[in-house]
């Protein structure tokens, strides 16, 4: 099965092609303000250089957010157009889950992906890695950094709900990793509250290394195997915050 992964909800856009969980090719484009003009040429170049036609694909996976409102619309519009035109299913993947899935240095860990939202808030999620399995601990959320830290600390301390796997976290097996652009931006604030995570083996704050599109594609493949694919018209962005379009001040009323 060949899956094309598209990720445009963060500042570094990327696309990837996988075949049966093996990465064939992956490319990035760094400017957050030019996703619209760069996305199609990058996809076209990847498909041509890997001698892959749209008809060779099994499905298209796309990040649906949370993240940049503009970036999400660009990526989703492209993914929907390609999927609709080629008669392919669309695989919607959480951006935060893709960030968590891209971190695979530990076989047992709690991973908190984080992105900056508007109004001083953060998008965040929480996942448990057990071997090759990534287990979601809570829905993706948007809140103040303080609220995010407090809720994450409840799980790490084991005083909150049990993990989905049915066990409580134990100090000797639970390194905690804050990962992503938001975690790096708010690193000092997170470190100041490190005492709340004293039951974790260690607290680390790390950037995302490499592109996210391959994680999007692999998570999409898992969705496909679990019959989680959707028709293009069914896929909508996961904004979490109200989308408020703005009008340039140069536009006359």
C-alpha atoms as a PDB file:
ATOM      1  CA  UNK A   1       0.000   0.000   0.000  1.00  0.00           C
ATOM      2  CA  UNK A   2       1.293   3.423  -0.958  1.00  0.00           C
ATOM      3  CA  UNK A   3       0.284   6.429   1.148  1.00  0.00           C
ATOM      4  CA  UNK A   4       1.032  10.080   0.378  1.00  0.00           C
ATOM      5  CA  UNK A   5       1.299  12.153   3.569  1.00  0.00           C
ATOM      6  CA  UNK A   6       0.713  15.926   3.583  1.00  0.00           C
ATOM      7  CA  UNK A   7       1.547  18.205   6.534  1.00  0.00           C
ATOM      8  CA  UNK A   8       1.029  21.983   6.359  1.00  0.00           C
ATOM      9  CA  UNK A   9      -0.332  22.882   9.803  1.00  0.00           C
ATOM     10  CA  UNK A  10       3.070  23.837  11.258  1.00  0.00           C
ATOM     11  CA  UNK A  11       5.743  26.294  10.134  1.00  0.00           C
ATOM     12  CA  UNK A  12       7.681  23.552   8.327  1.00  0.00           C
ATOM     13  CA  UNK A  13       5.512  21.973   5.641  1.00  0.00           C
ATOM     14  CA  UNK A  14       6.352  18.528   4.333  1.00  0.00           C
ATOM     15  CA  UNK A  15       5.158  15.657   2.179  1.00  0.00           C
ATOM     16  CA  UNK A  16       6.119  11.999   2.271  1.00  0.00           C
ATOM     17  CA  UNK A  17       5.508   8.808   0.357  1.00  0.00           C
ATOM     18  CA  UNK A  18       5.519   5.481   2.172  1.00  0.00           C
ATOM     19  CA  UNK A  19       4.991   1.964   0.896  1.00  0.00           C
ATOM     20  CA  UNK A  20       3.914  -0.610   3.480  1.00  0.00           C
ATOM     21  CA  UNK A  21       5.369   1.489   6.323  1.00  0.00           C
ATOM     22  CA  UNK A  22       8.687   1.957   4.502  1.00  0.00           C
ATOM     23  CA  UNK A  23       9.631   5.564   3.723  1.00  0.00           C
ATOM     24  CA  UNK A  24      10.176   6.038  -0.008  1.00  0.00           C
ATOM     25  CA  UNK A  25      10.824   9.800  -0.020  1.00  0.00           C
ATOM     26  CA  UNK A  26      10.148  12.854   2.127  1.00  0.00           C
ATOM     27  CA  UNK A  27      10.518  16.569   1.392  1.00  0.00           C
ATOM     28  CA  UNK A  28      10.080  19.799   3.308  1.00  0.00           C
ATOM     29  CA  UNK A  29       9.449  23.471   2.617  1.00  0.00           C
ATOM     30  CA  UNK A  30      10.300  25.854   5.426  1.00  0.00           C
ATOM     31  CA  UNK A  31       8.419  29.078   4.812  1.00  0.00           C
ATOM     32  CA  UNK A  32       5.128  29.223   6.748  1.00  0.00           C
ATOM     33  CA  UNK A  33       3.910  31.984   4.443  1.00  0.00           C
ATOM     34  CA  UNK A  34       4.356  30.168   1.137  1.00  0.00           C
ATOM     35  CA  UNK A  35       2.754  26.765   1.673  1.00  0.00           C
ATOM     36  CA  UNK A  36       0.155  27.582  -0.987  1.00  0.00           C
ATOM     37  CA  UNK A  37       2.698  28.222  -3.740  1.00  0.00           C
ATOM     38  CA  UNK A  38       5.141  25.474  -2.769  1.00  0.00           C
ATOM     39  CA  UNK A  39       2.911  22.532  -1.934  1.00  0.00           C
ATOM     40  CA  UNK A  40       1.789  21.406  -5.381  1.00  0.00           C
ATOM     41  CA  UNK A  41       5.236  21.713  -7.056  1.00  0.00           C
ATOM     42  CA  UNK A  42       6.813  19.711  -4.205  1.00  0.00           C
ATOM     43  CA  UNK A  43       4.175  16.978  -4.506  1.00  0.00           C
ATOM     44  CA  UNK A  44       4.574  16.914  -8.279  1.00  0.00           C
ATOM     45  CA  UNK A  45       8.359  16.649  -7.970  1.00  0.00           C
ATOM     46  CA  UNK A  46       8.200  13.817  -5.447  1.00  0.00           C
ATOM     47  CA  UNK A  47       5.733  11.784  -7.511  1.00  0.00           C
ATOM     48  CA  UNK A  48       7.721  12.246 -10.721  1.00  0.00           C
ATOM     49  CA  UNK A  49      11.079  11.358  -9.164  1.00  0.00           C
ATOM     50  CA  UNK A  50       9.650   8.252  -7.515  1.00  0.00           C
ATOM     51  CA  UNK A  51       7.801   7.349 -10.756  1.00  0.00           C
ATOM     52  CA  UNK A  52       4.535   7.295  -8.825  1.00  0.00           C
ATOM     53  CA  UNK A  53       1.202   8.192 -10.401  1.00  0.00           C
ATOM     54  CA  UNK A  54      -1.794   9.246  -8.356  1.00  0.00           C
ATOM     55  CA  UNK A  55      -3.446   6.036  -9.530  1.00  0.00           C
ATOM     56  CA  UNK A  56      -0.637   4.080  -7.820  1.00  0.00           C
ATOM     57  CA  UNK A  57      -1.611   5.466  -4.411  1.00  0.00           C
ATOM     58  CA  UNK A  58      -3.827   3.586  -1.992  1.00  0.00           C
ATOM     59  CA  UNK A  59      -4.850   6.696  -0.054  1.00  0.00           C
ATOM     60  CA  UNK A  60      -3.804  10.202   0.984  1.00  0.00           C
ATOM     61  CA  UNK A  61      -3.139  11.101   4.626  1.00  0.00           C
ATOM     62  CA  UNK A  62      -3.319  14.718   5.764  1.00  0.00           C
ATOM     63  CA  UNK A  63      -2.803  16.519   9.064  1.00  0.00           C
ATOM     64  CA  UNK A  64      -6.054  18.158  10.159  1.00  0.00           C
ATOM     65  CA  UNK A  65      -4.742  20.203  13.074  1.00  0.00           C
ATOM     66  CA  UNK A  66      -4.688  21.768  15.456  1.00  0.00           C
ATOM     67  CA  UNK A  67      -2.266  24.279  14.008  1.00  0.00           C
ATOM     68  CA  UNK A  68      -2.085  27.203  11.635  1.00  0.00           C
ATOM     69  CA  UNK A  69      -5.560  28.018  10.322  1.00  0.00           C
ATOM     70  CA  UNK A  70      -4.190  29.080   6.938  1.00  0.00           C
ATOM     71  CA  UNK A  71      -1.843  26.128   6.677  1.00  0.00           C
ATOM     72  CA  UNK A  72      -4.624  23.676   7.520  1.00  0.00           C
ATOM     73  CA  UNK A  73      -6.897  25.067   4.825  1.00  0.00           C
ATOM     74  CA  UNK A  74      -4.107  24.871   2.228  1.00  0.00           C
ATOM     75  CA  UNK A  75      -3.170  21.287   3.052  1.00  0.00           C
ATOM     76  CA  UNK A  76      -6.746  20.070   3.316  1.00  0.00           C
ATOM     77  CA  UNK A  77      -7.792  21.749   0.073  1.00  0.00           C
ATOM     78  CA  UNK A  78      -4.888  20.114  -1.775  1.00  0.00           C
ATOM     79  CA  UNK A  79      -5.451  16.702  -0.188  1.00  0.00           C
ATOM     80  CA  UNK A  80      -9.178  16.796  -0.910  1.00  0.00           C
ATOM     81  CA  UNK A  81      -8.636  17.855  -4.508  1.00  0.00           C
ATOM     82  CA  UNK A  82      -6.097  15.100  -5.190  1.00  0.00           C
ATOM     83  CA  UNK A  83      -8.145  12.437  -3.382  1.00  0.00           C
ATOM     84  CA  UNK A  84     -11.379  13.445  -5.081  1.00  0.00           C
ATOM     85  CA  UNK A  85      -9.796  13.594  -8.529  1.00  0.00           C
ATOM     86  CA  UNK A  86      -8.094  10.204  -8.176  1.00  0.00           C
ATOM     87  CA  UNK A  87     -10.964   8.500  -6.325  1.00  0.00           C
ATOM     88  CA  UNK A  88      -8.816   7.881  -3.242  1.00  0.00           C
ATOM     89  CA  UNK A  89      -9.864   7.707   0.412  1.00  0.00           C
ATOM     90  CA  UNK A  90      -8.638  10.458   2.722  1.00  0.00           C
ATOM     91  CA  UNK A  91      -7.008   9.702   6.075  1.00  0.00           C
ATOM     92  CA  UNK A  92      -7.329  12.526   8.678  1.00  0.00           C
ATOM     93  CA  UNK A  93      -4.463  12.639  11.189  1.00  0.00           C
ATOM     94  CA  UNK A  94      -4.077  14.807  14.290  1.00  0.00           C
ATOM     95  CA  UNK A  95      -1.058  17.107  14.035  1.00  0.00           C
ATOM     96  CA  UNK A  96      -0.292  16.595  17.730  1.00  0.00           C
ATOM     97  CA  UNK A  97      -0.427  12.827  17.328  1.00  0.00           C
ATOM     98  CA  UNK A  98       1.962  13.084  14.384  1.00  0.00           C
ATOM     99  CA  UNK A  99       4.379  15.083  16.559  1.00  0.00           C
ATOM    100  CA  UNK A 100       4.161  12.453  19.307  1.00  0.00           C
ATOM    101  CA  UNK A 101       4.612   9.622  16.791  1.00  0.00           C
ATOM    102  CA  UNK A 102       7.714  11.276  15.349  1.00  0.00           C
ATOM    103  CA  UNK A 103       9.441  10.892  18.720  1.00  0.00           C
ATOM    104  CA  UNK A 104      10.582   7.290  19.066  1.00  0.00           C
ATOM    105  CA  UNK A 105      13.767   7.487  21.153  1.00  0.00           C
ATOM    106  CA  UNK A 106      12.156   5.832  24.169  1.00  0.00           C
ATOM    107  CA  UNK A 107      10.217   2.568  24.335  1.00  0.00           C
ATOM    108  CA  UNK A 108       8.322   3.642  27.467  1.00  0.00           C
ATOM    109  CA  UNK A 109       7.504   7.309  27.961  1.00  0.00           C
ATOM    110  CA  UNK A 110       4.820   9.931  28.289  1.00  0.00           C
ATOM    111  CA  UNK A 111       4.902  12.416  25.401  1.00  0.00           C
ATOM    112  CA  UNK A 112       3.236  15.826  25.500  1.00  0.00           C
ATOM    113  CA  UNK A 113       3.274  17.482  22.050  1.00  0.00           C
ATOM    114  CA  UNK A 114       2.706  21.227  22.172  1.00  0.00           C
ATOM    115  CA  UNK A 115       2.068  24.024  19.657  1.00  0.00           C
ATOM    116  CA  UNK A 116       1.461  27.739  20.155  1.00  0.00           C
ATOM    117  CA  UNK A 117      -2.142  28.868  19.724  1.00  0.00           C
ATOM    118  CA  UNK A 118      -3.595  32.374  19.665  1.00  0.00           C
ATOM    119  CA  UNK A 119      -4.341  34.545  22.708  1.00  0.00           C
ATOM    120  CA  UNK A 120      -1.443  33.213  24.739  1.00  0.00           C
ATOM    121  CA  UNK A 121      -2.765  29.655  24.779  1.00  0.00           C
ATOM    122  CA  UNK A 122      -1.268  26.340  23.666  1.00  0.00           C
ATOM    123  CA  UNK A 123      -2.480  23.325  21.739  1.00  0.00           C
ATOM    124  CA  UNK A 124      -1.448  20.186  23.550  1.00  0.00           C
ATOM    125  CA  UNK A 125      -2.001  16.461  23.701  1.00  0.00           C
ATOM    126  CA  UNK A 126      -0.816  13.573  25.849  1.00  0.00           C
ATOM    127  CA  UNK A 127       0.295  10.126  24.732  1.00  0.00           C
ATOM    128  CA  UNK A 128       1.891   7.059  26.253  1.00  0.00           C
ATOM    129  CA  UNK A 129       4.448   5.117  24.258  1.00  0.00           C
ATOM    130  CA  UNK A 130       4.676   1.430  25.047  1.00  0.00           C
ATOM    131  CA  UNK A 131       7.055  -0.302  22.670  1.00  0.00           C
ATOM    132  CA  UNK A 132       5.809   0.390  19.162  1.00  0.00           C
ATOM    133  CA  UNK A 133       2.348   1.412  20.360  1.00  0.00           C
ATOM    134  CA  UNK A 134       1.318   5.028  20.823  1.00  0.00           C
ATOM    135  CA  UNK A 135      -1.665   5.303  23.174  1.00  0.00           C
ATOM    136  CA  UNK A 136      -3.716   8.474  23.380  1.00  0.00           C
ATOM    137  CA  UNK A 137      -4.352   9.543  26.985  1.00  0.00           C
ATOM    138  CA  UNK A 138      -6.704  12.455  26.348  1.00  0.00           C
ATOM    139  CA  UNK A 139      -8.299  14.380  23.480  1.00  0.00           C
ATOM    140  CA  UNK A 140      -6.298  17.166  21.838  1.00  0.00           C
ATOM    141  CA  UNK A 141      -6.927  20.384  23.756  1.00  0.00           C
ATOM    142  CA  UNK A 142      -6.303  24.112  23.818  1.00  0.00           C
ATOM    143  CA  UNK A 143      -5.784  25.950  27.102  1.00  0.00           C
ATOM    144  CA  UNK A 144      -3.445  28.195  29.012  1.00  0.00           C
ATOM    145  CA  UNK A 145       0.008  26.740  29.614  1.00  0.00           C
ATOM    146  CA  UNK A 146      -0.770  26.551  33.341  1.00  0.00           C
ATOM    147  CA  UNK A 147      -3.885  24.468  32.801  1.00  0.00           C
ATOM    148  CA  UNK A 148      -2.041  22.159  30.410  1.00  0.00           C
ATOM    149  CA  UNK A 149       0.785  21.642  32.897  1.00  0.00           C
ATOM    150  CA  UNK A 150      -1.642  20.969  35.759  1.00  0.00           C
ATOM    151  CA  UNK A 151      -3.584  18.344  33.812  1.00  0.00           C
ATOM    152  CA  UNK A 152      -0.453  16.623  32.535  1.00  0.00           C
ATOM    153  CA  UNK A 153       1.005  16.562  36.051  1.00  0.00           C
ATOM    154  CA  UNK A 154      -2.077  14.719  37.352  1.00  0.00           C
ATOM    155  CA  UNK A 155      -1.425  11.849  34.973  1.00  0.00           C
ATOM    156  CA  UNK A 156       2.330  11.739  35.538  1.00  0.00           C
ATOM    157  CA  UNK A 157       1.895  11.668  39.315  1.00  0.00           C
ATOM    158  CA  UNK A 158      -0.566   8.817  39.016  1.00  0.00           C
ATOM    159  CA  UNK A 159      -3.056  10.736  41.141  1.00  0.00           C
ATOM    160  CA  UNK A 160      -5.313  11.327  38.166  1.00  0.00           C
ATOM    161  CA  UNK A 161      -7.044   8.752  35.988  1.00  0.00           C
ATOM    162  CA  UNK A 162      -5.415   5.514  35.061  1.00  0.00           C
ATOM    163  CA  UNK A 163      -3.783   5.240  31.678  1.00  0.00           C
ATOM    164  CA  UNK A 164      -5.800   3.648  28.918  1.00  0.00           C
ATOM    165  CA  UNK A 165      -3.545   0.628  29.184  1.00  0.00           C
ATOM    166  CA  UNK A 166      -5.065   0.078  32.642  1.00  0.00           C
ATOM    167  CA  UNK A 167      -1.980   0.753  34.751  1.00  0.00           C
ATOM    168  CA  UNK A 168      -0.670   3.688  36.717  1.00  0.00           C
ATOM    169  CA  UNK A 169       2.627   5.272  35.908  1.00  0.00           C
ATOM    170  CA  UNK A 170       5.574   4.358  38.108  1.00  0.00           C
ATOM    171  CA  UNK A 171       8.451   6.708  38.778  1.00  0.00           C
ATOM    172  CA  UNK A 172      11.134   4.370  37.512  1.00  0.00           C
ATOM    173  CA  UNK A 173       9.587   3.932  34.060  1.00  0.00           C
ATOM    174  CA  UNK A 174       8.148   7.276  33.061  1.00  0.00           C
ATOM    175  CA  UNK A 175      10.393   9.825  31.410  1.00  0.00           C
ATOM    176  CA  UNK A 176       8.306  12.796  30.301  1.00  0.00           C
ATOM    177  CA  UNK A 177       8.972  14.584  27.017  1.00  0.00           C
ATOM    178  CA  UNK A 178       7.482  17.903  25.950  1.00  0.00           C
ATOM    179  CA  UNK A 179       7.917  17.982  22.176  1.00  0.00           C
ATOM    180  CA  UNK A 180       7.296  20.512  19.420  1.00  0.00           C
ATOM    181  CA  UNK A 181       7.484  24.182  18.523  1.00  0.00           C
ATOM    182  CA  UNK A 182       5.321  25.223  21.466  1.00  0.00           C
ATOM    183  CA  UNK A 183       7.450  23.335  23.971  1.00  0.00           C
ATOM    184  CA  UNK A 184      10.632  24.963  22.670  1.00  0.00           C
ATOM    185  CA  UNK A 185       9.082  28.446  22.694  1.00  0.00           C
ATOM    186  CA  UNK A 186       7.857  27.988  26.281  1.00  0.00           C
ATOM    187  CA  UNK A 187      10.865  26.017  27.505  1.00  0.00           C
ATOM    188  CA  UNK A 188      11.760  28.392  30.358  1.00  0.00           C
ATOM    189  CA  UNK A 189       8.196  28.438  31.668  1.00  0.00           C
ATOM    190  CA  UNK A 190       7.980  24.641  31.539  1.00  0.00           C
ATOM    191  CA  UNK A 191      11.281  24.182  33.346  1.00  0.00           C
ATOM    192  CA  UNK A 192      10.158  26.536  36.115  1.00  0.00           C
ATOM    193  CA  UNK A 193       7.265  24.186  36.804  1.00  0.00           C
ATOM    194  CA  UNK A 194       9.399  21.060  36.638  1.00  0.00           C
ATOM    195  CA  UNK A 195       8.703  20.319  40.304  1.00  0.00           C
ATOM    196  CA  UNK A 196       5.156  19.328  39.395  1.00  0.00           C
ATOM    197  CA  UNK A 197       6.571  16.367  37.506  1.00  0.00           C
ATOM    198  CA  UNK A 198       8.748  15.003  40.304  1.00  0.00           C
ATOM    199  CA  UNK A 199       7.255  11.534  39.854  1.00  0.00           C
ATOM    200  CA  UNK A 200       8.653  11.300  36.344  1.00  0.00           C
ATOM    201  CA  UNK A 201      12.080   9.774  35.777  1.00  0.00           C
ATOM    202  CA  UNK A 202      13.146  12.915  33.948  1.00  0.00           C
ATOM    203  CA  UNK A 203      11.725  15.941  32.168  1.00  0.00           C
ATOM    204  CA  UNK A 204      12.999  16.795  28.679  1.00  0.00           C
ATOM    205  CA  UNK A 205      11.966  19.494  26.224  1.00  0.00           C
ATOM    206  CA  UNK A 206      12.795  18.708  22.625  1.00  0.00           C
ATOM    207  CA  UNK A 207      12.158  20.032  19.124  1.00  0.00           C
ATOM    208  CA  UNK A 208      10.663  17.848  16.422  1.00  0.00           C
ATOM    209  CA  UNK A 209      13.561  16.298  14.545  1.00  0.00           C
ATOM    210  CA  UNK A 210      12.879  15.844  10.850  1.00  0.00           C
ATOM    211  CA  UNK A 211       9.649  16.250   8.945  1.00  0.00           C
ATOM    212  CA  UNK A 212       6.171  15.310  10.142  1.00  0.00           C
ATOM    213  CA  UNK A 213       4.721  14.077   6.846  1.00  0.00           C
ATOM    214  CA  UNK A 214       6.176  10.580   7.254  1.00  0.00           C
ATOM    215  CA  UNK A 215       4.478  10.305  10.661  1.00  0.00           C
ATOM    216  CA  UNK A 216       1.236  11.557   9.103  1.00  0.00           C
ATOM    217  CA  UNK A 217       1.529   8.916   6.372  1.00  0.00           C
ATOM    218  CA  UNK A 218       2.271   6.087   8.834  1.00  0.00           C
ATOM    219  CA  UNK A 219      -0.579   7.079  11.143  1.00  0.00           C
ATOM    220  CA  UNK A 220      -2.765   7.240   8.053  1.00  0.00           C
ATOM    221  CA  UNK A 221      -1.732   3.694   7.157  1.00  0.00           C
ATOM    222  CA  UNK A 222      -2.835   2.550  10.620  1.00  0.00           C
ATOM    223  CA  UNK A 223      -6.175   4.294  10.090  1.00  0.00           C
ATOM    224  CA  UNK A 224      -6.562   2.574   6.741  1.00  0.00           C
ATOM    225  CA  UNK A 225      -5.903  -0.843   8.260  1.00  0.00           C
ATOM    226  CA  UNK A 226      -8.489  -0.060  10.947  1.00  0.00           C
ATOM    227  CA  UNK A 227     -10.988   1.138   8.333  1.00  0.00           C
ATOM    228  CA  UNK A 228     -10.701   4.735   9.520  1.00  0.00           C
ATOM    229  CA  UNK A 229     -10.608   6.248   6.047  1.00  0.00           C
ATOM    230  CA  UNK A 230     -13.132   8.885   5.009  1.00  0.00           C
ATOM    231  CA  UNK A 231     -14.563  10.355   1.842  1.00  0.00           C
ATOM    232  CA  UNK A 232     -12.885  13.697   1.022  1.00  0.00           C
ATOM    233  CA  UNK A 233     -16.024  15.707   1.773  1.00  0.00           C
ATOM    234  CA  UNK A 234     -16.214  14.236   5.279  1.00  0.00           C
ATOM    235  CA  UNK A 235     -12.816  15.538   6.437  1.00  0.00           C
ATOM    236  CA  UNK A 236     -12.799  18.873   8.274  1.00  0.00           C
ATOM    237  CA  UNK A 237     -10.014  20.754  10.078  1.00  0.00           C
ATOM    238  CA  UNK A 238      -9.575  20.372  13.831  1.00  0.00           C
ATOM    239  CA  UNK A 239      -9.368  24.031  14.818  1.00  0.00           C
ATOM    240  CA  UNK A 240     -10.133  23.733  18.602  1.00  0.00           C
ATOM    241  CA  UNK A 241     -10.358  27.541  18.617  1.00  0.00           C
ATOM    242  CA  UNK A 242     -12.986  29.586  16.733  1.00  0.00           C
ATOM    243  CA  UNK A 243     -11.818  30.541  13.274  1.00  0.00           C
ATOM    244  CA  UNK A 244     -12.212  34.325  12.903  1.00  0.00           C
ATOM    245  CA  UNK A 245     -11.361  35.544   9.395  1.00  0.00           C
ATOM    246  CA  UNK A 246      -9.724  38.959   9.196  1.00  0.00           C
ATOM    247  CA  UNK A 247     -10.095  41.628   6.553  1.00  0.00           C
ATOM    248  CA  UNK A 248      -7.102  43.720   5.517  1.00  0.00           C
ATOM    249  CA  UNK A 249      -7.324  47.343   6.613  1.00  0.00           C
ATOM    250  CA  UNK A 250      -6.575  48.300   3.010  1.00  0.00           C
ATOM    251  CA  UNK A 251      -9.957  46.947   1.883  1.00  0.00           C
ATOM    252  CA  UNK A 252     -12.466  49.772   1.625  1.00  0.00           C
ATOM    253  CA  UNK A 253     -15.868  49.251   3.148  1.00  0.00           C
END
